[in-house]
Protein backbone atom coordinates (compact mmCIF):
# COMPACT_ATOMS: atom_id res chain seq x y z
CA UNK A 1 108.65 132.75 46.22
CA UNK A 2 111.48 135.23 46.65
CA UNK A 3 115.10 134.08 46.70
CA UNK A 4 116.95 135.39 49.73
CA UNK A 5 120.58 135.41 50.87
CA UNK A 6 121.89 136.12 54.34
CA UNK A 7 124.50 138.87 54.25
CA UNK A 8 126.41 139.84 57.37
CA UNK A 9 127.38 143.32 56.24
CA UNK A 10 130.29 145.11 54.56
CA UNK A 11 132.91 143.12 56.48
CA UNK A 12 131.45 139.76 55.37
CA UNK A 13 133.62 137.51 53.16
CA UNK A 14 130.79 137.37 50.58
CA UNK A 15 130.24 140.69 48.80
CA UNK A 16 126.97 142.03 47.46
CA UNK A 17 128.23 141.62 43.89
CA UNK A 18 128.91 137.96 44.66
CA UNK A 19 125.38 137.64 46.04
CA UNK A 20 124.08 138.94 42.71
CA UNK A 21 125.96 136.14 40.97
CA UNK A 22 124.02 133.54 42.97
CA UNK A 23 120.71 134.73 41.52
CA UNK A 24 119.34 135.79 44.89
CA UNK A 25 117.36 139.02 44.84
CA UNK A 26 116.33 139.56 48.48
CA UNK A 27 118.86 140.29 51.19
CA UNK A 28 118.49 139.03 54.75
CA UNK A 29 120.62 141.16 57.06
CA UNK A 30 120.87 142.82 60.45
CA UNK A 31 122.79 145.50 62.32
CA UNK A 32 125.10 143.06 64.05
CA UNK A 33 127.36 145.90 65.14
CA UNK A 34 124.69 147.39 67.42
CA UNK A 35 124.94 146.09 71.01
CA UNK A 36 122.10 143.81 72.10
CA UNK A 37 119.40 145.85 73.82
CA UNK A 38 120.32 149.21 72.29
CA UNK A 39 117.59 150.64 70.04
CA UNK A 40 118.40 150.89 66.35
CA UNK A 41 118.01 154.32 64.80
CA UNK A 42 116.30 154.97 61.49
CA UNK A 43 119.55 156.53 60.23
CA UNK A 44 121.47 153.32 60.96
CA UNK A 45 118.88 151.18 59.19
CA UNK A 46 118.81 153.51 56.18
CA UNK A 47 122.59 153.44 55.93
CA UNK A 48 122.57 149.62 55.68
CA UNK A 49 119.58 149.73 53.33
CA UNK A 50 121.33 152.21 51.04
CA UNK A 51 124.41 150.00 50.93
CA UNK A 52 122.27 147.03 49.87
CA UNK A 53 119.83 148.72 47.52
CA UNK A 54 122.05 151.25 45.71
CA UNK A 55 122.69 149.36 42.50
CA UNK A 56 125.90 149.98 40.52
CA UNK A 57 125.44 150.63 36.82
CA UNK A 58 124.76 147.47 34.89
CA UNK A 59 124.16 145.33 37.99
CA UNK A 60 121.04 143.49 39.15
CA UNK A 61 119.11 145.22 41.95
CA UNK A 62 118.90 143.80 45.46
CA UNK A 63 116.31 144.56 48.11
CA UNK A 64 116.61 144.26 51.89
CA UNK A 65 113.40 142.44 52.68
CA UNK A 66 114.15 140.57 55.93
CA UNK A 67 115.80 141.71 59.15
CA UNK A 68 117.39 138.71 60.82
CA UNK A 69 117.41 139.50 63.66
CA UNK A 70 116.55 142.20 66.16
CA UNK A 71 117.98 140.48 69.25
CA UNK A 72 115.69 140.11 72.24
CA UNK A 73 117.59 140.96 75.44
CA UNK A 74 118.01 138.31 78.09
CA UNK A 75 115.96 140.36 80.55
CA UNK A 76 112.83 139.92 78.41
CA UNK A 77 113.22 136.14 78.48
CA UNK A 78 113.66 136.16 82.26
CA UNK A 79 111.10 138.82 83.18
CA UNK A 80 108.59 139.00 80.33
CA UNK A 81 106.45 142.13 80.38
CA UNK A 82 108.28 143.46 83.43
CA UNK A 83 111.32 144.17 81.23
CA UNK A 84 109.66 147.37 80.04
CA UNK A 85 112.77 149.34 79.08
CA UNK A 86 114.14 146.46 77.02
CA UNK A 87 110.82 145.93 75.23
CA UNK A 88 110.52 149.64 74.50
CA UNK A 89 114.01 149.62 72.96
CA UNK A 90 113.04 146.61 70.83
CA UNK A 91 109.91 148.41 69.66
CA UNK A 92 112.03 151.45 68.74
CA UNK A 93 114.21 149.20 66.57
CA UNK A 94 111.08 147.72 64.98
CA UNK A 95 109.78 151.20 64.23
CA UNK A 96 113.08 152.16 62.60
CA UNK A 97 112.87 149.08 60.39
CA UNK A 98 109.24 149.82 59.52
CA UNK A 99 110.06 153.43 58.62
CA UNK A 100 112.45 152.08 55.99
CA UNK A 101 109.81 149.81 54.49
CA UNK A 102 111.45 146.50 55.41
CA UNK A 103 108.48 144.13 55.77
CA UNK A 104 109.75 141.08 57.70
CA UNK A 105 111.59 140.72 61.02
CA UNK A 106 112.92 137.38 62.26
CA UNK A 107 113.74 136.74 65.92
CA UNK A 108 114.22 133.86 68.35
CA UNK A 109 113.52 133.26 72.03
CA UNK A 110 116.27 130.82 73.03
CA UNK A 111 117.59 131.52 76.55
CA UNK A 112 121.33 132.05 77.22
CA UNK A 113 122.56 130.28 74.07
CA UNK A 114 121.39 130.73 70.49
CA UNK A 115 121.87 128.04 67.83
CA UNK A 116 124.40 125.51 69.11
CA UNK A 117 126.91 123.16 67.51
CA UNK A 118 129.95 121.22 68.77
CA UNK A 119 131.85 120.97 65.45
CA UNK A 120 132.17 123.54 62.67
CA UNK A 121 134.13 121.45 60.17
CA UNK A 122 132.96 117.84 60.42
CA UNK A 123 134.37 116.05 57.38
CA UNK A 124 131.68 114.40 55.26
CA UNK A 125 132.30 111.45 52.88
CA UNK A 126 132.62 113.87 49.94
CA UNK A 127 135.48 115.76 51.60
CA UNK A 128 133.33 118.84 52.14
CA UNK A 129 132.84 119.87 55.74
CA UNK A 130 129.64 120.50 57.67
CA UNK A 131 128.55 121.70 61.07
CA UNK A 132 127.61 119.02 63.57
CA UNK A 133 126.03 118.64 66.98
CA UNK A 134 127.65 115.66 68.70
CA UNK A 135 125.63 114.70 71.77
CA UNK A 136 128.56 112.96 73.47
CA UNK A 137 130.90 115.90 72.96
CA UNK A 138 128.19 118.24 74.19
CA UNK A 139 127.71 116.11 77.31
CA UNK A 140 131.47 116.08 77.88
CA UNK A 141 131.48 119.88 77.77
CA UNK A 142 128.46 120.28 80.04
CA UNK A 143 129.54 117.72 82.63
CA UNK A 144 133.30 118.23 82.79
CA UNK A 145 134.07 121.73 81.44
CA UNK A 146 131.05 123.79 82.40
CA UNK A 147 130.29 121.47 85.35
CA UNK A 148 126.68 122.63 85.47
CA UNK A 149 125.06 121.85 88.83
CA UNK A 150 122.30 119.30 88.39
CA UNK A 151 123.47 118.17 84.96
CA UNK A 152 124.61 114.77 86.21
CA UNK A 153 121.04 113.77 87.08
CA UNK A 154 119.87 114.58 83.55
CA UNK A 155 122.14 112.00 81.90
CA UNK A 156 121.95 108.23 82.15
CA UNK A 157 124.81 106.29 83.68
CA UNK A 158 125.80 105.14 80.20
CA UNK A 159 125.75 108.72 78.87
CA UNK A 160 127.90 109.91 81.75
CA UNK A 161 130.44 107.14 81.24
CA UNK A 162 130.68 107.83 77.51
CA UNK A 163 130.97 111.59 78.09
CA UNK A 164 133.78 111.03 80.56
CA UNK A 165 135.64 108.87 78.06
CA UNK A 166 135.20 111.50 75.36
CA UNK A 167 136.39 114.26 77.70
CA UNK A 168 139.46 112.30 78.80
CA UNK A 169 140.40 111.68 75.16
CA UNK A 170 140.29 115.39 74.28
CA UNK A 171 143.43 117.49 74.13
CA UNK A 172 143.64 120.89 75.79
CA UNK A 173 143.31 122.47 72.35
CA UNK A 174 140.18 120.45 71.61
CA UNK A 175 138.64 121.45 74.95
CA UNK A 176 139.42 125.10 74.23
CA UNK A 177 137.91 124.80 70.76
CA UNK A 178 134.61 123.25 71.84
CA UNK A 179 134.39 125.83 74.63
CA UNK A 180 134.89 128.60 72.08
CA UNK A 181 132.28 127.17 69.72
CA UNK A 182 129.59 126.75 72.37
CA UNK A 183 130.18 129.89 74.45
CA UNK A 184 131.40 132.47 71.96
CA UNK A 185 128.15 132.90 69.94
CA UNK A 186 128.01 131.58 66.39
CA UNK A 187 127.44 133.94 63.42
CA UNK A 188 124.13 135.74 63.56
CA UNK A 189 123.68 134.81 67.18
CA UNK A 190 121.43 137.01 69.25
CA UNK A 191 123.13 136.17 72.53
CA UNK A 192 126.37 137.52 73.97
CA UNK A 193 129.69 135.63 73.98
CA UNK A 194 130.32 134.22 77.44
CA UNK A 195 133.19 133.08 79.62
CA UNK A 196 132.62 129.89 81.62
CA UNK A 197 132.01 131.84 84.89
CA UNK A 198 129.58 134.19 83.12
CA UNK A 199 127.85 131.18 81.55
CA UNK A 200 127.28 129.69 85.00
CA UNK A 201 125.91 132.99 86.30
CA UNK A 202 123.45 133.20 83.38
CA UNK A 203 122.17 129.71 84.13
CA UNK A 204 121.68 130.58 87.79
CA UNK A 205 119.60 133.60 86.73
CA UNK A 206 117.14 131.24 85.02
CA UNK A 207 116.47 129.11 88.08
CA UNK A 208 112.73 128.73 88.54
CA UNK A 209 111.91 129.53 84.92
CA UNK A 210 110.29 126.48 83.34
CA UNK A 211 108.73 126.08 79.89
CA UNK A 212 105.36 127.42 81.06
CA UNK A 213 106.90 130.58 82.49
CA UNK A 214 109.20 131.15 79.50
CA UNK A 215 106.23 130.77 77.14
CA UNK A 216 104.27 133.29 79.21
CA UNK A 217 107.17 135.73 78.97
CA UNK A 218 107.21 135.34 75.18
CA UNK A 219 103.45 135.91 75.05
CA UNK A 220 103.81 139.08 77.14
CA UNK A 221 106.52 140.28 74.75
CA UNK A 222 104.31 139.54 71.75
CA UNK A 223 101.35 141.29 73.32
CA UNK A 224 103.50 144.42 73.50
CA UNK A 225 105.18 144.31 70.08
CA UNK A 226 102.69 142.65 67.73
CA UNK A 227 100.22 145.59 67.73
CA UNK A 228 103.08 147.88 66.73
CA UNK A 229 104.12 145.53 63.92
CA UNK A 230 100.50 145.16 62.79
CA UNK A 231 100.01 148.93 62.65
CA UNK A 232 103.18 149.43 60.61
CA UNK A 233 102.76 146.56 58.17
CA UNK A 234 105.63 144.40 59.48
CA UNK A 235 105.44 140.63 59.87
CA UNK A 236 107.27 139.10 62.85
CA UNK A 237 108.63 135.57 62.38
CA UNK A 238 109.75 133.39 65.28
CA UNK A 239 112.67 131.09 64.45
CA UNK A 240 112.53 127.57 65.95
CA UNK A 241 114.89 126.45 68.69
CA UNK A 242 118.14 124.98 67.36
CA UNK A 243 118.45 122.18 68.41
CA UNK A 244 114.72 121.87 69.17
CA UNK A 245 115.11 120.54 72.70
CA UNK A 246 116.31 121.64 76.11
CA UNK A 247 119.99 122.49 76.48
CA UNK A 248 121.79 123.15 79.78
CA UNK A 249 118.57 122.43 81.66
CA UNK A 250 116.94 125.49 80.06
CA UNK A 251 113.40 125.36 78.67
CA UNK A 252 112.81 125.86 74.96
CA UNK A 253 109.37 126.72 73.70
CA UNK A 254 109.57 126.92 69.88
CA UNK A 255 110.43 123.32 69.01
CA UNK A 256 107.19 121.67 67.89
CA UNK A 257 103.92 122.39 66.09
CA UNK A 258 102.12 122.57 69.42
CA UNK A 259 104.58 125.17 70.68
CA UNK A 260 103.72 127.43 67.75
CA UNK A 261 100.00 126.72 68.04
CA UNK A 262 100.03 127.90 71.66
CA UNK A 263 101.64 131.20 70.66
CA UNK A 264 99.29 131.79 67.73
CA UNK A 265 96.28 131.01 69.94
CA UNK A 266 97.51 133.45 72.57
CA UNK A 267 98.34 136.25 70.10
CA UNK A 268 96.23 135.61 66.97
CA UNK A 269 97.09 138.77 65.01
CA UNK A 270 98.39 138.09 61.50
CA UNK A 271 101.65 139.91 62.24
CA UNK A 272 102.54 137.12 64.68
CA UNK A 273 104.22 134.73 62.26
CA UNK A 274 106.70 131.93 61.84
CA UNK A 275 110.17 131.56 60.40
CA UNK A 276 109.80 128.06 58.98
CA UNK A 277 113.24 126.46 59.39
CA UNK A 278 113.37 122.92 58.04
CA UNK A 279 116.80 122.32 59.53
CA UNK A 280 115.91 123.20 63.10
CA UNK A 281 112.49 121.55 63.10
CA UNK A 282 113.82 118.57 61.14
CA UNK A 283 116.20 117.51 63.90
CA UNK A 284 113.17 116.10 65.75
CA UNK A 285 111.86 112.90 64.16
CA UNK A 286 108.39 113.65 65.56
CA UNK A 287 108.12 116.91 63.61
CA UNK A 288 106.21 116.26 60.36
CA UNK A 289 107.63 119.10 58.25
CA UNK A 290 105.10 119.13 55.36
CA UNK A 291 102.25 118.92 57.90
CA UNK A 292 103.69 121.84 59.88
CA UNK A 293 103.99 123.90 56.68
CA UNK A 294 100.38 123.04 55.79
CA UNK A 295 99.04 123.78 59.27
CA UNK A 296 100.71 127.17 59.64
CA UNK A 297 100.88 128.14 55.96
CA UNK A 298 99.25 131.53 56.41
CA UNK A 299 101.72 132.38 59.20
CA UNK A 300 104.88 131.58 57.20
CA UNK A 301 106.45 134.74 55.81
CA UNK A 302 110.09 133.64 55.84
CA UNK A 303 111.68 130.21 55.37
CA UNK A 304 115.11 128.76 56.09
CA UNK A 305 115.52 125.75 53.83
CA UNK A 306 118.24 123.27 54.77
CA UNK A 307 118.48 119.63 55.78
CA UNK A 308 120.03 117.72 58.66
CA UNK A 309 120.85 114.05 59.15
CA UNK A 310 120.10 112.49 62.52
CA UNK A 311 122.71 110.02 63.72
CA UNK A 312 122.32 107.06 66.08
CA UNK A 313 119.47 107.68 68.52
CA UNK A 314 118.85 111.12 66.98
CA UNK A 315 120.53 113.24 69.62
CA UNK A 316 123.53 113.73 67.34
CA UNK A 317 123.04 115.31 63.92
CA UNK A 318 124.97 117.04 61.17
CA UNK A 319 124.08 119.47 58.42
CA UNK A 320 123.50 117.54 55.20
CA UNK A 321 123.30 118.72 51.61
CA UNK A 322 120.01 120.50 50.96
CA UNK A 323 118.32 117.64 49.10
CA UNK A 324 119.68 114.88 51.33
CA UNK A 325 119.29 114.00 54.99
CA UNK A 326 116.00 113.74 56.87
CA UNK A 327 114.07 116.54 55.15
CA UNK A 328 111.79 115.81 52.20
CA UNK A 329 112.44 119.14 50.52
CA UNK A 330 110.19 118.43 47.54
CA UNK A 331 107.20 117.80 49.83
CA UNK A 332 108.04 120.90 51.86
CA UNK A 333 108.27 123.13 48.80
CA UNK A 334 104.99 121.80 47.43
CA UNK A 335 103.29 123.10 50.57
CA UNK A 336 105.07 126.46 50.49
CA UNK A 337 104.36 126.95 46.79
CA UNK A 338 100.66 126.16 47.31
CA UNK A 339 100.50 128.86 49.99
CA UNK A 340 102.55 131.33 47.95
CA UNK A 341 100.14 131.02 45.02
CA UNK A 342 97.32 132.20 47.25
CA UNK A 343 99.12 135.45 48.03
CA UNK A 344 99.75 138.76 46.36
CA UNK A 345 103.30 139.38 45.12
CA UNK A 346 104.15 141.72 47.98
CA UNK A 347 103.41 138.96 50.51
CA UNK A 348 105.29 136.24 48.65
CA UNK A 349 107.37 134.03 50.96
CA UNK A 350 111.06 134.90 51.20
CA UNK A 351 113.26 131.82 51.44
CA UNK A 352 116.98 131.34 51.69
CA UNK A 353 119.26 128.36 51.46
CA UNK A 354 120.42 128.04 55.03
CA UNK A 355 123.93 127.04 56.03
CA UNK A 356 125.75 124.89 53.49
CA UNK A 357 128.78 122.67 53.23
CA UNK A 358 132.23 124.17 53.13
CA UNK A 359 133.56 122.91 49.81
CA UNK A 360 135.84 123.57 46.82
CA UNK A 361 137.69 126.91 47.12
CA UNK A 362 135.95 127.75 50.39
CA UNK A 363 138.00 125.00 52.07
CA UNK A 364 141.05 127.21 51.55
CA UNK A 365 139.46 130.47 52.70
CA UNK A 366 138.36 132.10 55.90
CA UNK A 367 134.58 131.77 55.77
CA UNK A 368 131.74 132.62 58.10
CA UNK A 369 130.93 129.33 59.90
CA UNK A 370 127.73 127.91 58.48
CA UNK A 371 127.63 130.49 55.71
CA UNK A 372 130.18 129.63 53.01
CA UNK A 373 129.38 131.01 49.58
CA UNK A 374 129.72 127.88 47.46
CA UNK A 375 127.79 125.50 49.71
CA UNK A 376 124.91 127.95 49.97
CA UNK A 377 125.01 128.56 46.23
CA UNK A 378 124.72 124.81 45.65
CA UNK A 379 121.75 124.70 48.03
CA UNK A 380 120.03 127.67 46.40
CA UNK A 381 120.50 126.15 42.94
CA UNK A 382 118.99 122.85 44.10
CA UNK A 383 116.01 124.60 45.69
CA UNK A 384 115.54 126.70 42.57
CA UNK A 385 115.51 123.52 40.49
CA UNK A 386 112.67 122.08 42.57
CA UNK A 387 110.71 125.30 42.17
CA UNK A 388 111.13 125.24 38.40
CA UNK A 389 110.01 121.62 38.35
CA UNK A 390 106.93 122.65 40.34
CA UNK A 391 106.30 125.35 37.73
CA UNK A 392 106.90 127.99 40.37
CA UNK A 393 109.56 130.28 38.94
CA UNK A 394 111.33 131.96 41.88
CA UNK A 395 111.78 135.73 41.91
């Protein structure tokens, strides 16, 4: 298995030389500066690739092996195959990536909002901080800040009462902060930052789109792009929903094993693959992570390895240390290693330690939320230790 590291580009707080110090060899990156929906050019991709792969004298080489992500425009999620211009632009970006020899592309299909949290610096018992999704704070935002029509009926009387109490206890600064976190797009997001009025308009645009229709739109997208990926030797990997359940009354269709099975049945080509994210899938207690890895082993080309801890009834969760929480990482890695051993080296699974606690010196620095250097380094070292114990030396 190949050790990856997500790098947000030359403006990121973590430099490429610091990535080398972690032991990672494969870079996961994207052209975040390109507006969503605009086709990437080969020149732009090569410029980023040259930055990553030009190795200074005496330094360890790095390779850009995963694009995470080429954002899918909102129009594709709402219109499916009818969004022809947007799909053609996405294919042009894919072709630019393929021309540069980058073999894996990650993407997601979450409508309106990408991965969602309510707290970026939840203090854990160790003093390190973690990201957290607090169901009550989320409900307070949805019911009393966003004031989404129809939301009231989706919460129990007890939930509504608790959300109101939470909202009334929040200061103006706290309300502004949770609004910023939820609407402003977290790092790596493939959706646009939104104001509250724009957020409401986006939700209105999705009226009438249920899970069945959203899944059909994703299938229509895959039917258009997978043949291109297949012809050019690129593997597409769909990231799970995060959290893996409906938010804001919007359907989500990449949350369970059956969700993925439906997509693989509809578009069976080998290029139609999975980004196996233990953190996102692990939020649901009914997701058996080792079983999912075993079932879809041949479709897993890229893995996000992190753990979460469900709190209370499971609707609230926080990011835990990589070997703690609700994910049996040893069992997961046994499955991934078994699959990796069946493959040639060029198809070896790329994995990265995903997210990480903010700790030690990073507590005093400006860091990319979810992507501090030290917390991810700890996670990568722990994952590497499991691999060595499994006699699977990572590359």
